[in-house]
Amino acid sequence: MTRESAIGNGVPYSIDSDIVISGISGRLPESSNIEEFKENLMKEMDMVTDDDRRWTANNAHGIPPRSAKLKDLSNFDASFFGVHPKQAHVMDPQLRLLLEVTYEAIVDAGINPSTVRGSRTGVFVGVSCSETDDFWMRDMETINGLYITQNNSVCLSNQLIFF
């Protein structure tokens, strides 16, 4: 097929086109975005720290004294993403980050995110393990009925497509 079309930024493509990554976003150690990560690398900044922002490094569970951690994970704008506060409360931080960086990558590509809705766009997500399950299993009193859909790694791409 050679049907030509254009995406929101006016760049032509065809169904037979190669895959093109035209936008990028990310959260990396001590960096809120890709640009800050690049600046930190250029400054030769040590982004592996020995603070206890996330875990107490007492080596009781094999946690090394120095680790690379993301910056503050609590700055999630639930209302922007149409997430109810009860959902956001139990949401895996990986899902929060996924929503944020996906939106940023689409904007970085010069595409209006609203034009992606309803399009033939694939969503493929690779997910590592998460400590969120362990955390919530220790605090059963505060789990609400939304826990399973907000913390199942299989559901992350599904949550993304509904934004």
N, C-alpha and C. Protein backbone atom coordinates (compact mmCIF):
# COMPACT_ATOMS: atom_id res chain seq x y z
N MET A 1 0.83 -1.18 0.00
CA MET A 1 0.00 0.00 0.00
C MET A 1 0.87 1.24 0.00
N THR A 2 0.42 2.23 -0.66
CA THR A 2 1.16 3.48 -0.68
C THR A 2 0.29 4.67 -0.32
N ARG A 3 -0.84 4.39 0.34
CA ARG A 3 -1.72 5.48 0.73
C ARG A 3 -0.95 6.46 1.61
N GLU A 4 -0.89 7.70 1.19
CA GLU A 4 -0.17 8.72 1.94
C GLU A 4 -1.11 9.42 2.90
N SER A 5 -0.57 9.82 3.99
CA SER A 5 -1.35 10.55 4.98
C SER A 5 -0.39 11.47 5.73
N ALA A 6 -0.90 12.22 6.66
CA ALA A 6 -0.05 13.09 7.48
C ALA A 6 -0.54 13.03 8.91
N ILE A 7 0.42 13.02 9.82
CA ILE A 7 0.05 13.04 11.23
C ILE A 7 -0.05 14.49 11.68
N GLY A 8 -0.37 14.70 12.92
CA GLY A 8 -0.63 16.04 13.44
C GLY A 8 0.44 17.07 13.18
N ASN A 9 1.71 16.65 13.03
CA ASN A 9 2.77 17.63 12.80
C ASN A 9 3.03 17.86 11.32
N GLY A 10 2.21 17.29 10.44
CA GLY A 10 2.33 17.52 9.01
C GLY A 10 3.38 16.67 8.31
N VAL A 11 4.04 15.78 9.02
CA VAL A 11 5.06 14.93 8.41
C VAL A 11 4.37 13.80 7.68
N PRO A 12 4.61 13.67 6.35
CA PRO A 12 3.93 12.60 5.61
C PRO A 12 4.47 11.22 5.99
N TYR A 13 3.62 10.23 5.90
CA TYR A 13 4.03 8.86 6.13
C TYR A 13 3.12 7.96 5.30
N SER A 14 3.53 6.73 5.10
CA SER A 14 2.67 5.78 4.41
C SER A 14 2.60 4.52 5.25
N ILE A 15 1.65 3.68 4.94
CA ILE A 15 1.48 2.43 5.68
C ILE A 15 2.72 1.57 5.56
N ASP A 16 3.45 1.70 4.46
CA ASP A 16 4.65 0.90 4.24
C ASP A 16 5.90 1.54 4.85
N SER A 17 5.76 2.66 5.51
CA SER A 17 6.91 3.36 6.09
C SER A 17 7.54 2.54 7.20
N ASP A 18 8.84 2.78 7.39
CA ASP A 18 9.52 2.20 8.54
C ASP A 18 8.98 2.87 9.79
N ILE A 19 9.23 2.24 10.91
CA ILE A 19 8.84 2.84 12.19
C ILE A 19 9.77 4.02 12.46
N VAL A 20 9.20 5.12 12.88
CA VAL A 20 9.97 6.31 13.18
C VAL A 20 9.65 6.76 14.61
N ILE A 21 10.69 6.96 15.37
CA ILE A 21 10.50 7.53 16.70
C ILE A 21 10.77 9.02 16.55
N SER A 22 9.74 9.81 16.68
CA SER A 22 9.89 11.24 16.43
C SER A 22 9.79 12.08 17.69
N GLY A 23 9.47 11.47 18.81
CA GLY A 23 9.38 12.19 20.06
C GLY A 23 9.98 11.35 21.16
N ILE A 24 10.52 12.00 22.16
CA ILE A 24 11.17 11.26 23.24
C ILE A 24 10.89 11.95 24.57
N SER A 25 10.84 11.17 25.61
CA SER A 25 10.70 11.68 26.96
C SER A 25 11.22 10.61 27.90
N GLY A 26 11.50 10.99 29.11
CA GLY A 26 11.96 9.99 30.06
C GLY A 26 12.25 10.58 31.42
N ARG A 27 12.35 9.71 32.37
CA ARG A 27 12.78 10.06 33.72
C ARG A 27 13.98 9.17 34.01
N LEU A 28 15.05 9.78 34.38
CA LEU A 28 16.29 9.06 34.65
C LEU A 28 16.84 9.52 36.00
N PRO A 29 17.82 8.80 36.55
CA PRO A 29 18.33 9.16 37.87
C PRO A 29 18.70 10.64 37.99
N GLU A 30 18.20 11.27 39.04
CA GLU A 30 18.48 12.67 39.36
C GLU A 30 18.13 13.63 38.23
N SER A 31 17.25 13.22 37.34
CA SER A 31 16.91 14.02 36.16
C SER A 31 15.41 13.96 35.92
N SER A 32 14.80 15.13 35.81
CA SER A 32 13.35 15.19 35.57
C SER A 32 12.98 14.93 34.13
N ASN A 33 13.96 15.02 33.22
CA ASN A 33 13.69 14.81 31.80
C ASN A 33 14.99 14.48 31.08
N ILE A 34 14.87 14.20 29.79
CA ILE A 34 16.03 13.81 28.98
C ILE A 34 17.07 14.93 28.93
N GLU A 35 16.62 16.17 28.77
CA GLU A 35 17.54 17.31 28.68
C GLU A 35 18.35 17.47 29.97
N GLU A 36 17.69 17.34 31.11
CA GLU A 36 18.40 17.45 32.38
C GLU A 36 19.39 16.30 32.55
N PHE A 37 19.02 15.10 32.10
CA PHE A 37 19.94 13.96 32.16
C PHE A 37 21.18 14.24 31.31
N LYS A 38 20.96 14.78 30.12
CA LYS A 38 22.08 15.13 29.23
C LYS A 38 22.99 16.16 29.91
N GLU A 39 22.39 17.19 30.51
CA GLU A 39 23.18 18.21 31.21
C GLU A 39 23.96 17.60 32.36
N ASN A 40 23.33 16.70 33.11
CA ASN A 40 24.03 16.04 34.22
C ASN A 40 25.20 15.21 33.73
N LEU A 41 25.02 14.54 32.60
CA LEU A 41 26.13 13.77 32.01
C LEU A 41 27.26 14.69 31.58
N MET A 42 26.91 15.80 30.94
CA MET A 42 27.93 16.74 30.46
C MET A 42 28.71 17.35 31.64
N LYS A 43 28.05 17.54 32.77
CA LYS A 43 28.70 18.08 33.97
C LYS A 43 29.42 16.99 34.76
N GLU A 44 29.34 15.75 34.25
CA GLU A 44 29.94 14.59 34.92
C GLU A 44 29.41 14.43 36.34
N MET A 45 28.13 14.72 36.50
CA MET A 45 27.48 14.61 37.81
C MET A 45 27.29 13.15 38.19
N ASP A 46 27.59 12.84 39.43
CA ASP A 46 27.36 11.49 39.94
C ASP A 46 25.87 11.37 40.26
N MET A 47 25.16 10.58 39.48
CA MET A 47 23.71 10.44 39.66
C MET A 47 23.35 9.21 40.48
N VAL A 48 24.36 8.57 41.05
CA VAL A 48 24.15 7.46 41.98
C VAL A 48 24.43 8.03 43.36
N THR A 49 23.43 7.97 44.22
CA THR A 49 23.53 8.64 45.51
C THR A 49 23.44 7.66 46.68
N ASP A 50 23.78 8.15 47.85
CA ASP A 50 23.70 7.30 49.05
C ASP A 50 22.65 7.81 50.03
N ASP A 51 21.70 8.61 49.55
CA ASP A 51 20.64 9.08 50.44
C ASP A 51 19.56 8.01 50.60
N ASP A 52 18.65 8.23 51.54
CA ASP A 52 17.61 7.22 51.80
C ASP A 52 16.22 7.75 51.40
N ARG A 53 16.17 8.45 50.27
CA ARG A 53 14.88 8.97 49.78
C ARG A 53 13.85 7.87 49.59
N ARG A 54 14.26 6.73 49.15
CA ARG A 54 13.31 5.66 48.87
C ARG A 54 13.42 4.51 49.85
N TRP A 55 14.63 4.13 50.12
CA TRP A 55 14.87 2.97 50.98
C TRP A 55 15.96 3.31 51.96
N THR A 56 15.91 2.70 53.13
CA THR A 56 17.00 2.82 54.07
C THR A 56 18.03 1.77 53.69
N ALA A 57 19.19 2.23 53.35
CA ALA A 57 20.22 1.31 52.87
C ALA A 57 20.97 0.69 54.04
N ASN A 58 20.29 -0.15 54.78
CA ASN A 58 20.94 -0.82 55.91
C ASN A 58 21.44 -2.20 55.51
N ASN A 59 21.35 -2.50 54.25
CA ASN A 59 21.81 -3.76 53.67
C ASN A 59 21.06 -4.97 54.22
N ALA A 60 19.98 -4.75 54.94
CA ALA A 60 19.22 -5.87 55.49
C ALA A 60 18.59 -6.70 54.38
N HIS A 61 18.21 -6.07 53.31
CA HIS A 61 17.57 -6.78 52.20
C HIS A 61 18.44 -6.77 50.95
N GLY A 62 19.73 -6.59 51.13
CA GLY A 62 20.64 -6.58 50.01
C GLY A 62 20.63 -5.28 49.22
N ILE A 63 20.04 -4.23 49.78
CA ILE A 63 20.01 -2.94 49.09
C ILE A 63 21.39 -2.31 49.22
N PRO A 64 22.03 -1.98 48.11
CA PRO A 64 23.35 -1.38 48.18
C PRO A 64 23.27 0.02 48.79
N PRO A 65 24.34 0.48 49.42
CA PRO A 65 24.31 1.79 50.05
C PRO A 65 24.14 2.93 49.04
N ARG A 66 24.58 2.74 47.82
CA ARG A 66 24.42 3.75 46.77
C ARG A 66 23.50 3.20 45.69
N SER A 67 22.60 4.06 45.22
CA SER A 67 21.68 3.62 44.17
C SER A 67 21.25 4.82 43.32
N ALA A 68 20.76 4.51 42.14
CA ALA A 68 20.27 5.54 41.22
C ALA A 68 18.75 5.61 41.37
N LYS A 69 18.26 6.78 41.73
CA LYS A 69 16.82 6.92 41.99
C LYS A 69 16.25 8.07 41.16
N LEU A 70 14.98 7.93 40.84
CA LEU A 70 14.28 9.02 40.17
C LEU A 70 13.99 10.11 41.19
N LYS A 71 13.83 11.32 40.67
CA LYS A 71 13.45 12.43 41.55
C LYS A 71 12.04 12.21 42.06
N ASP A 72 11.52 13.17 42.77
CA ASP A 72 10.21 13.12 43.41
C ASP A 72 9.14 12.49 42.53
N LEU A 73 8.54 11.42 43.01
CA LEU A 73 7.49 10.72 42.27
C LEU A 73 6.09 11.18 42.66
N SER A 74 6.00 12.13 43.56
CA SER A 74 4.68 12.52 44.07
C SER A 74 4.02 13.64 43.27
N ASN A 75 4.69 14.16 42.26
CA ASN A 75 4.14 15.28 41.49
C ASN A 75 3.30 14.80 40.31
N PHE A 76 2.29 14.01 40.57
CA PHE A 76 1.42 13.50 39.51
C PHE A 76 0.13 14.31 39.49
N ASP A 77 -0.21 14.87 38.33
CA ASP A 77 -1.43 15.67 38.18
C ASP A 77 -2.57 14.75 37.76
N ALA A 78 -3.20 14.13 38.74
CA ALA A 78 -4.26 13.15 38.47
C ALA A 78 -5.39 13.75 37.66
N SER A 79 -5.82 14.95 37.97
CA SER A 79 -6.96 15.55 37.26
C SER A 79 -6.63 15.78 35.79
N PHE A 80 -5.38 16.14 35.47
CA PHE A 80 -4.99 16.34 34.08
C PHE A 80 -5.18 15.06 33.26
N PHE A 81 -4.87 13.93 33.88
CA PHE A 81 -4.99 12.64 33.19
C PHE A 81 -6.35 11.98 33.39
N GLY A 82 -7.27 12.69 34.01
CA GLY A 82 -8.62 12.15 34.21
C GLY A 82 -8.66 11.00 35.19
N VAL A 83 -7.75 11.01 36.15
CA VAL A 83 -7.65 9.94 37.14
C VAL A 83 -8.30 10.41 38.44
N HIS A 84 -9.23 9.64 38.94
CA HIS A 84 -9.89 9.96 40.20
C HIS A 84 -8.86 9.89 41.33
N PRO A 85 -8.97 10.76 42.33
CA PRO A 85 -8.02 10.73 43.44
C PRO A 85 -7.89 9.37 44.12
N LYS A 86 -8.98 8.61 44.20
CA LYS A 86 -8.90 7.27 44.81
C LYS A 86 -8.06 6.33 43.94
N GLN A 87 -8.14 6.49 42.62
CA GLN A 87 -7.30 5.70 41.72
C GLN A 87 -5.84 6.11 41.89
N ALA A 88 -5.60 7.41 41.88
CA ALA A 88 -4.23 7.91 41.99
C ALA A 88 -3.57 7.46 43.28
N HIS A 89 -4.35 7.36 44.35
CA HIS A 89 -3.82 6.95 45.65
C HIS A 89 -3.19 5.56 45.61
N VAL A 90 -3.78 4.65 44.86
CA VAL A 90 -3.27 3.28 44.82
C VAL A 90 -2.51 2.97 43.53
N MET A 91 -2.36 3.95 42.66
CA MET A 91 -1.73 3.73 41.35
C MET A 91 -0.24 3.45 41.47
N ASP A 92 0.21 2.44 40.76
CA ASP A 92 1.63 2.12 40.68
C ASP A 92 2.37 3.34 40.13
N PRO A 93 3.45 3.77 40.77
CA PRO A 93 4.21 4.91 40.26
C PRO A 93 4.67 4.71 38.81
N GLN A 94 4.88 3.45 38.40
CA GLN A 94 5.26 3.21 37.01
C GLN A 94 4.16 3.65 36.05
N LEU A 95 2.90 3.48 36.44
CA LEU A 95 1.79 3.91 35.59
C LEU A 95 1.73 5.43 35.55
N ARG A 96 1.93 6.08 36.68
CA ARG A 96 1.96 7.55 36.68
C ARG A 96 3.03 8.06 35.74
N LEU A 97 4.22 7.50 35.86
CA LEU A 97 5.32 7.92 34.99
C LEU A 97 5.03 7.61 33.53
N LEU A 98 4.43 6.46 33.26
CA LEU A 98 4.09 6.09 31.89
C LEU A 98 3.14 7.11 31.27
N LEU A 99 2.12 7.50 32.01
CA LEU A 99 1.18 8.50 31.50
C LEU A 99 1.91 9.82 31.21
N GLU A 100 2.75 10.25 32.13
CA GLU A 100 3.46 11.52 31.97
C GLU A 100 4.41 11.51 30.78
N VAL A 101 5.27 10.49 30.71
CA VAL A 101 6.28 10.50 29.65
C VAL A 101 5.68 10.21 28.28
N THR A 102 4.60 9.46 28.23
CA THR A 102 3.94 9.24 26.94
C THR A 102 3.37 10.54 26.41
N TYR A 103 2.69 11.27 27.27
CA TYR A 103 2.15 12.57 26.87
C TYR A 103 3.29 13.49 26.39
N GLU A 104 4.37 13.55 27.16
CA GLU A 104 5.50 14.41 26.81
C GLU A 104 6.14 14.00 25.49
N ALA A 105 6.27 12.70 25.24
CA ALA A 105 6.87 12.23 23.99
C ALA A 105 5.99 12.58 22.79
N ILE A 106 4.69 12.47 22.95
CA ILE A 106 3.77 12.84 21.86
C ILE A 106 3.91 14.33 21.56
N VAL A 107 3.93 15.15 22.59
CA VAL A 107 4.09 16.59 22.41
C VAL A 107 5.46 16.90 21.81
N ASP A 108 6.51 16.20 22.28
CA ASP A 108 7.86 16.39 21.75
C ASP A 108 7.93 16.08 20.26
N ALA A 109 7.09 15.17 19.81
CA ALA A 109 7.05 14.82 18.39
C ALA A 109 6.31 15.87 17.56
N GLY A 110 5.75 16.87 18.23
CA GLY A 110 5.01 17.90 17.51
C GLY A 110 3.58 17.51 17.20
N ILE A 111 3.09 16.52 17.93
CA ILE A 111 1.73 16.02 17.69
C ILE A 111 0.82 16.51 18.80
N ASN A 112 -0.35 16.93 18.43
CA ASN A 112 -1.37 17.29 19.41
C ASN A 112 -1.91 15.98 19.98
N PRO A 113 -1.77 15.74 21.28
CA PRO A 113 -2.22 14.46 21.85
C PRO A 113 -3.68 14.12 21.55
N SER A 114 -4.52 15.11 21.39
CA SER A 114 -5.93 14.82 21.11
C SER A 114 -6.12 14.20 19.73
N THR A 115 -5.16 14.38 18.82
CA THR A 115 -5.29 13.79 17.48
C THR A 115 -4.94 12.31 17.47
N VAL A 116 -4.30 11.82 18.52
CA VAL A 116 -3.94 10.41 18.59
C VAL A 116 -5.15 9.56 18.97
N ARG A 117 -6.05 10.15 19.76
CA ARG A 117 -7.24 9.42 20.22
C ARG A 117 -8.03 8.93 19.01
N GLY A 118 -8.36 7.65 18.99
CA GLY A 118 -9.14 7.05 17.91
C GLY A 118 -8.32 6.68 16.69
N SER A 119 -7.01 6.96 16.73
CA SER A 119 -6.17 6.61 15.58
C SER A 119 -5.68 5.17 15.69
N ARG A 120 -5.10 4.69 14.63
CA ARG A 120 -4.54 3.33 14.63
C ARG A 120 -3.11 3.39 15.16
N THR A 121 -3.01 3.55 16.45
CA THR A 121 -1.72 3.69 17.10
C THR A 121 -1.52 2.53 18.05
N GLY A 122 -0.41 1.83 17.90
CA GLY A 122 -0.10 0.71 18.78
C GLY A 122 0.50 1.19 20.09
N VAL A 123 0.17 0.51 21.16
CA VAL A 123 0.74 0.81 22.47
C VAL A 123 1.42 -0.45 22.98
N PHE A 124 2.73 -0.40 23.10
CA PHE A 124 3.52 -1.55 23.53
C PHE A 124 4.35 -1.12 24.73
N VAL A 125 4.20 -1.81 25.83
CA VAL A 125 4.84 -1.40 27.07
C VAL A 125 5.59 -2.58 27.67
N GLY A 126 6.84 -2.37 28.00
CA GLY A 126 7.62 -3.35 28.74
C GLY A 126 7.71 -2.90 30.18
N VAL A 127 7.41 -3.76 31.12
CA VAL A 127 7.35 -3.37 32.52
C VAL A 127 8.21 -4.32 33.35
N SER A 128 8.94 -3.74 34.26
CA SER A 128 9.73 -4.51 35.20
C SER A 128 8.88 -4.80 36.44
N CYS A 129 9.49 -5.39 37.40
CA CYS A 129 8.77 -5.65 38.65
C CYS A 129 8.47 -4.33 39.36
N SER A 130 7.61 -4.40 40.33
CA SER A 130 7.23 -3.20 41.08
C SER A 130 7.12 -3.54 42.56
N GLU A 131 7.57 -2.61 43.38
CA GLU A 131 7.44 -2.81 44.83
C GLU A 131 6.06 -2.43 45.33
N THR A 132 5.22 -1.87 44.45
CA THR A 132 3.91 -1.39 44.87
C THR A 132 3.05 -2.51 45.43
N ASP A 133 3.09 -3.67 44.79
CA ASP A 133 2.31 -4.80 45.30
C ASP A 133 2.70 -5.14 46.73
N ASP A 134 4.00 -5.23 46.98
CA ASP A 134 4.47 -5.54 48.33
C ASP A 134 4.00 -4.49 49.33
N PHE A 135 4.07 -3.23 48.94
CA PHE A 135 3.66 -2.14 49.82
C PHE A 135 2.19 -2.26 50.19
N TRP A 136 1.33 -2.43 49.19
CA TRP A 136 -0.11 -2.48 49.46
C TRP A 136 -0.52 -3.76 50.18
N MET A 137 0.18 -4.84 49.97
CA MET A 137 -0.16 -6.07 50.67
C MET A 137 0.10 -5.95 52.16
N ARG A 138 0.99 -5.04 52.55
CA ARG A 138 1.27 -4.81 53.97
C ARG A 138 0.28 -3.84 54.59
N ASP A 139 -0.51 -3.15 53.76
CA ASP A 139 -1.42 -2.12 54.24
C ASP A 139 -2.82 -2.37 53.69
N MET A 140 -3.36 -3.53 53.96
CA MET A 140 -4.65 -3.95 53.40
C MET A 140 -5.81 -3.03 53.79
N GLU A 141 -5.69 -2.31 54.88
CA GLU A 141 -6.77 -1.44 55.34
C GLU A 141 -7.05 -0.29 54.37
N THR A 142 -6.03 0.17 53.66
CA THR A 142 -6.22 1.34 52.79
C THR A 142 -6.44 1.00 51.33
N ILE A 143 -6.42 -0.28 50.98
CA ILE A 143 -6.64 -0.67 49.59
C ILE A 143 -8.11 -0.46 49.26
N ASN A 144 -8.36 0.16 48.12
CA ASN A 144 -9.75 0.27 47.67
C ASN A 144 -9.94 -0.66 46.48
N GLY A 145 -11.13 -0.74 45.95
CA GLY A 145 -11.44 -1.67 44.86
C GLY A 145 -10.71 -1.39 43.57
N LEU A 146 -10.02 -0.25 43.48
CA LEU A 146 -9.32 0.12 42.26
C LEU A 146 -7.89 -0.40 42.23
N TYR A 147 -7.46 -0.99 43.31
CA TYR A 147 -6.07 -1.42 43.44
C TYR A 147 -5.61 -2.32 42.29
N ILE A 148 -6.39 -3.33 41.94
CA ILE A 148 -5.95 -4.33 40.97
C ILE A 148 -5.73 -3.73 39.58
N THR A 149 -6.58 -2.80 39.16
CA THR A 149 -6.40 -2.22 37.82
C THR A 149 -5.30 -1.17 37.79
N GLN A 150 -4.91 -0.66 38.93
CA GLN A 150 -3.88 0.38 38.97
C GLN A 150 -2.49 -0.19 39.25
N ASN A 151 -2.39 -1.48 39.53
CA ASN A 151 -1.11 -2.05 39.93
C ASN A 151 -0.75 -3.33 39.20
N ASN A 152 -1.53 -3.74 38.26
CA ASN A 152 -1.22 -4.94 37.50
C ASN A 152 -0.42 -4.54 36.27
N SER A 153 0.81 -5.03 36.16
CA SER A 153 1.67 -4.62 35.05
C SER A 153 1.06 -4.92 33.69
N VAL A 154 0.20 -5.91 33.62
CA VAL A 154 -0.47 -6.24 32.36
C VAL A 154 -1.42 -5.11 31.94
N CYS A 155 -1.92 -4.37 32.90
CA CYS A 155 -2.91 -3.32 32.63
C CYS A 155 -2.30 -1.97 32.27
N LEU A 156 -0.98 -1.81 32.35
CA LEU A 156 -0.40 -0.49 32.13
C LEU A 156 -0.70 0.07 30.75
N SER A 157 -0.50 -0.74 29.71
CA SER A 157 -0.80 -0.22 28.36
C SER A 157 -2.29 0.03 28.20
N ASN A 158 -3.12 -0.78 28.84
CA ASN A 158 -4.56 -0.55 28.78
C ASN A 158 -4.94 0.78 29.41
N GLN A 159 -4.33 1.11 30.53
CA GLN A 159 -4.61 2.39 31.18
C GLN A 159 -4.19 3.55 30.28
N LEU A 160 -3.08 3.37 29.59
CA LEU A 160 -2.56 4.42 28.72
C LEU A 160 -3.51 4.71 27.56
N ILE A 161 -4.10 3.69 26.99
CA ILE A 161 -4.94 3.92 25.82
C ILE A 161 -6.25 4.60 26.17
N PHE A 162 -6.62 4.61 27.44
CA PHE A 162 -7.87 5.27 27.83
C PHE A 162 -7.68 6.73 28.20
N PHE A 163 -6.43 7.20 28.20
CA PHE A 163 -6.22 8.62 28.50
C PHE A 163 -6.62 9.45 27.31
